[in-house]
């Protein structure tokens, strides 16, 4: 998974995911839902509420948080 992330004021302004993965949800829906999420220690919790595994099978909220936060 590759993420192109734009942030402002410590929050996600825009995000776009690329990669070879499967999921059941519309990826654009997840990307839009992530706008405004904090890029701090609370990101994992916020991503858990979005059920990221539904959009990218096999990827946990914690793994996605680590990817986005570097």
N, C-alpha and C. Protein backbone atom coordinates (compact mmCIF):
# COMPACT_ATOMS: atom_id res chain seq x y z
N UNK A 1 0.85 -1.18 0.00
CA UNK A 1 0.00 0.00 0.00
C UNK A 1 0.88 1.23 0.00
N UNK A 2 0.56 2.15 -0.86
CA UNK A 2 1.22 3.45 -0.91
C UNK A 2 0.17 4.51 -0.62
N UNK A 3 0.53 5.47 0.20
CA UNK A 3 -0.39 6.56 0.53
C UNK A 3 0.21 7.89 0.13
N UNK A 4 -0.58 8.70 -0.53
CA UNK A 4 -0.21 10.08 -0.83
C UNK A 4 -1.04 10.92 0.11
N UNK A 5 -0.36 11.63 0.99
CA UNK A 5 -1.02 12.33 2.09
C UNK A 5 -0.71 13.81 2.06
N UNK A 6 -1.73 14.61 2.27
CA UNK A 6 -1.57 16.04 2.43
C UNK A 6 -2.12 16.38 3.82
N UNK A 7 -1.34 17.14 4.58
CA UNK A 7 -1.75 17.48 5.94
C UNK A 7 -1.60 18.97 6.18
N UNK A 8 -2.41 19.45 7.09
CA UNK A 8 -2.34 20.86 7.49
C UNK A 8 -2.80 20.96 8.94
N UNK A 9 -2.03 21.67 9.74
CA UNK A 9 -2.40 21.84 11.14
C UNK A 9 -2.48 20.54 11.92
N UNK A 10 -1.67 19.55 11.54
CA UNK A 10 -1.66 18.28 12.26
C UNK A 10 -2.82 17.37 11.94
N UNK A 11 -3.57 17.69 10.86
CA UNK A 11 -4.72 16.87 10.48
C UNK A 11 -4.63 16.53 8.99
N UNK A 12 -5.27 15.42 8.65
CA UNK A 12 -5.28 14.99 7.26
C UNK A 12 -6.15 15.95 6.45
N UNK A 13 -5.55 16.48 5.40
CA UNK A 13 -6.28 17.38 4.48
C UNK A 13 -6.80 16.58 3.29
N UNK A 14 -6.00 15.62 2.82
CA UNK A 14 -6.40 14.74 1.72
C UNK A 14 -5.51 13.50 1.78
N UNK A 15 -6.06 12.38 1.36
CA UNK A 15 -5.28 11.15 1.30
C UNK A 15 -5.78 10.32 0.12
N UNK A 16 -4.84 9.64 -0.50
CA UNK A 16 -5.16 8.78 -1.65
C UNK A 16 -4.31 7.52 -1.51
N UNK A 17 -4.94 6.36 -1.66
CA UNK A 17 -4.25 5.08 -1.52
C UNK A 17 -4.08 4.41 -2.87
N UNK A 18 -2.93 3.75 -3.02
CA UNK A 18 -2.62 2.99 -4.23
C UNK A 18 -2.03 1.67 -3.79
N UNK A 19 -2.25 0.63 -4.55
CA UNK A 19 -1.64 -0.64 -4.23
C UNK A 19 -2.43 -1.81 -4.76
N UNK A 20 -1.90 -2.96 -4.49
CA UNK A 20 -2.49 -4.22 -4.94
C UNK A 20 -3.14 -4.88 -3.72
N UNK A 21 -4.38 -4.53 -3.48
CA UNK A 21 -5.10 -5.07 -2.33
C UNK A 21 -6.58 -5.20 -2.68
N UNK A 22 -7.27 -5.98 -1.89
CA UNK A 22 -8.70 -6.21 -2.09
C UNK A 22 -9.46 -5.62 -0.92
N UNK A 23 -10.70 -5.31 -1.14
CA UNK A 23 -11.58 -4.83 -0.09
C UNK A 23 -13.00 -4.83 -0.59
N UNK A 24 -13.93 -4.69 0.34
CA UNK A 24 -15.35 -4.70 -0.02
C UNK A 24 -15.94 -3.31 -0.17
N UNK A 25 -15.36 -2.34 0.49
CA UNK A 25 -15.91 -0.99 0.45
C UNK A 25 -15.31 -0.15 -0.66
N UNK A 26 -15.94 0.96 -0.95
CA UNK A 26 -15.44 1.91 -1.94
C UNK A 26 -14.30 2.69 -1.31
N UNK A 27 -13.10 2.55 -1.85
CA UNK A 27 -11.91 3.16 -1.27
C UNK A 27 -12.04 4.68 -1.16
N UNK A 28 -12.67 5.31 -2.13
CA UNK A 28 -12.87 6.76 -2.08
C UNK A 28 -13.68 7.18 -0.86
N UNK A 29 -14.58 6.33 -0.43
CA UNK A 29 -15.38 6.60 0.76
C UNK A 29 -14.48 6.69 2.00
N UNK A 30 -13.55 5.75 2.11
CA UNK A 30 -12.60 5.76 3.22
C UNK A 30 -11.71 7.00 3.16
N UNK A 31 -11.21 7.31 1.98
CA UNK A 31 -10.33 8.47 1.81
C UNK A 31 -11.03 9.75 2.23
N UNK A 32 -12.28 9.90 1.85
CA UNK A 32 -13.05 11.10 2.23
C UNK A 32 -13.33 11.13 3.74
N UNK A 33 -13.60 9.95 4.32
CA UNK A 33 -13.89 9.87 5.76
C UNK A 33 -12.67 10.22 6.61
N UNK A 34 -11.48 10.06 6.03
CA UNK A 34 -10.25 10.32 6.78
C UNK A 34 -9.86 11.80 6.84
N UNK A 35 -10.46 12.62 5.99
CA UNK A 35 -10.16 14.05 6.00
C UNK A 35 -10.53 14.62 7.36
N UNK A 36 -9.59 15.30 7.97
CA UNK A 36 -9.81 15.91 9.28
C UNK A 36 -9.31 15.08 10.45
N UNK A 37 -8.91 13.82 10.19
CA UNK A 37 -8.41 12.99 11.29
C UNK A 37 -7.05 13.52 11.74
N UNK A 38 -6.77 13.38 13.04
CA UNK A 38 -5.50 13.87 13.58
C UNK A 38 -4.34 12.95 13.24
N UNK A 39 -3.21 13.52 12.94
CA UNK A 39 -2.00 12.73 12.68
C UNK A 39 -1.17 12.64 13.95
N UNK A 40 -1.81 12.17 15.02
CA UNK A 40 -1.13 12.05 16.30
C UNK A 40 -1.43 10.67 16.88
N UNK A 41 -1.22 10.51 18.15
CA UNK A 41 -1.43 9.24 18.81
C UNK A 41 -2.86 8.74 18.81
N UNK A 42 -3.80 9.58 18.40
CA UNK A 42 -5.21 9.19 18.37
C UNK A 42 -5.64 8.68 16.99
N UNK A 43 -4.71 8.67 16.02
CA UNK A 43 -5.07 8.26 14.66
C UNK A 43 -5.53 6.81 14.61
N UNK A 44 -4.85 5.91 15.31
CA UNK A 44 -5.24 4.50 15.28
C UNK A 44 -6.68 4.33 15.74
N UNK A 45 -7.03 4.97 16.82
CA UNK A 45 -8.39 4.88 17.37
C UNK A 45 -9.41 5.41 16.36
N UNK A 46 -9.09 6.52 15.72
CA UNK A 46 -9.99 7.10 14.71
C UNK A 46 -10.15 6.17 13.52
N UNK A 47 -9.07 5.52 13.11
CA UNK A 47 -9.13 4.59 11.98
C UNK A 47 -9.90 3.33 12.32
N UNK A 48 -9.81 2.89 13.58
CA UNK A 48 -10.57 1.71 14.00
C UNK A 48 -12.06 1.95 13.83
N UNK A 49 -12.51 3.15 14.12
CA UNK A 49 -13.92 3.49 13.98
C UNK A 49 -14.37 3.46 12.52
N UNK A 50 -13.43 3.61 11.59
CA UNK A 50 -13.76 3.60 10.16
C UNK A 50 -13.71 2.20 9.55
N UNK A 51 -13.29 1.19 10.33
CA UNK A 51 -13.24 -0.21 9.87
C UNK A 51 -12.42 -0.33 8.58
N UNK A 52 -11.16 0.09 8.64
CA UNK A 52 -10.30 0.12 7.45
C UNK A 52 -10.16 -1.26 6.79
N UNK A 53 -10.27 -2.33 7.55
CA UNK A 53 -10.16 -3.66 6.99
C UNK A 53 -11.25 -3.98 5.99
N UNK A 54 -12.38 -3.28 6.06
CA UNK A 54 -13.45 -3.46 5.09
C UNK A 54 -13.04 -2.90 3.72
N UNK A 55 -12.17 -1.93 3.73
CA UNK A 55 -11.74 -1.26 2.49
C UNK A 55 -10.44 -1.84 1.94
N UNK A 56 -9.58 -2.32 2.84
CA UNK A 56 -8.31 -2.92 2.46
C UNK A 56 -8.12 -4.18 3.29
N UNK A 57 -8.49 -5.30 2.73
CA UNK A 57 -8.45 -6.57 3.45
C UNK A 57 -7.05 -6.87 3.97
N UNK A 58 -7.00 -7.29 5.23
CA UNK A 58 -5.74 -7.69 5.84
C UNK A 58 -4.93 -6.56 6.43
N UNK A 59 -5.41 -5.34 6.35
CA UNK A 59 -4.70 -4.19 6.90
C UNK A 59 -5.45 -3.71 8.14
N UNK A 60 -4.72 -3.58 9.24
CA UNK A 60 -5.35 -3.12 10.48
C UNK A 60 -5.23 -1.60 10.61
N UNK A 61 -6.03 -1.05 11.49
CA UNK A 61 -5.97 0.39 11.77
C UNK A 61 -4.59 0.79 12.27
N UNK A 62 -3.99 -0.05 13.08
CA UNK A 62 -2.65 0.25 13.61
C UNK A 62 -1.61 0.27 12.50
N UNK A 63 -1.67 -0.69 11.59
CA UNK A 63 -0.71 -0.72 10.48
C UNK A 63 -0.89 0.50 9.57
N UNK A 64 -2.11 0.87 9.29
CA UNK A 64 -2.36 2.04 8.45
C UNK A 64 -1.91 3.31 9.15
N UNK A 65 -2.12 3.39 10.43
CA UNK A 65 -1.67 4.53 11.22
C UNK A 65 -0.14 4.67 11.14
N UNK A 66 0.57 3.56 11.30
CA UNK A 66 2.04 3.59 11.20
C UNK A 66 2.49 4.05 9.82
N UNK A 67 1.81 3.57 8.77
CA UNK A 67 2.14 3.98 7.42
C UNK A 67 1.98 5.49 7.24
N UNK A 68 0.88 6.01 7.72
CA UNK A 68 0.58 7.43 7.53
C UNK A 68 1.44 8.35 8.39
N UNK A 69 1.80 7.89 9.56
CA UNK A 69 2.58 8.72 10.47
C UNK A 69 4.08 8.56 10.26
N UNK A 70 4.46 7.60 9.42
CA UNK A 70 5.88 7.41 9.12
C UNK A 70 6.56 6.66 10.17
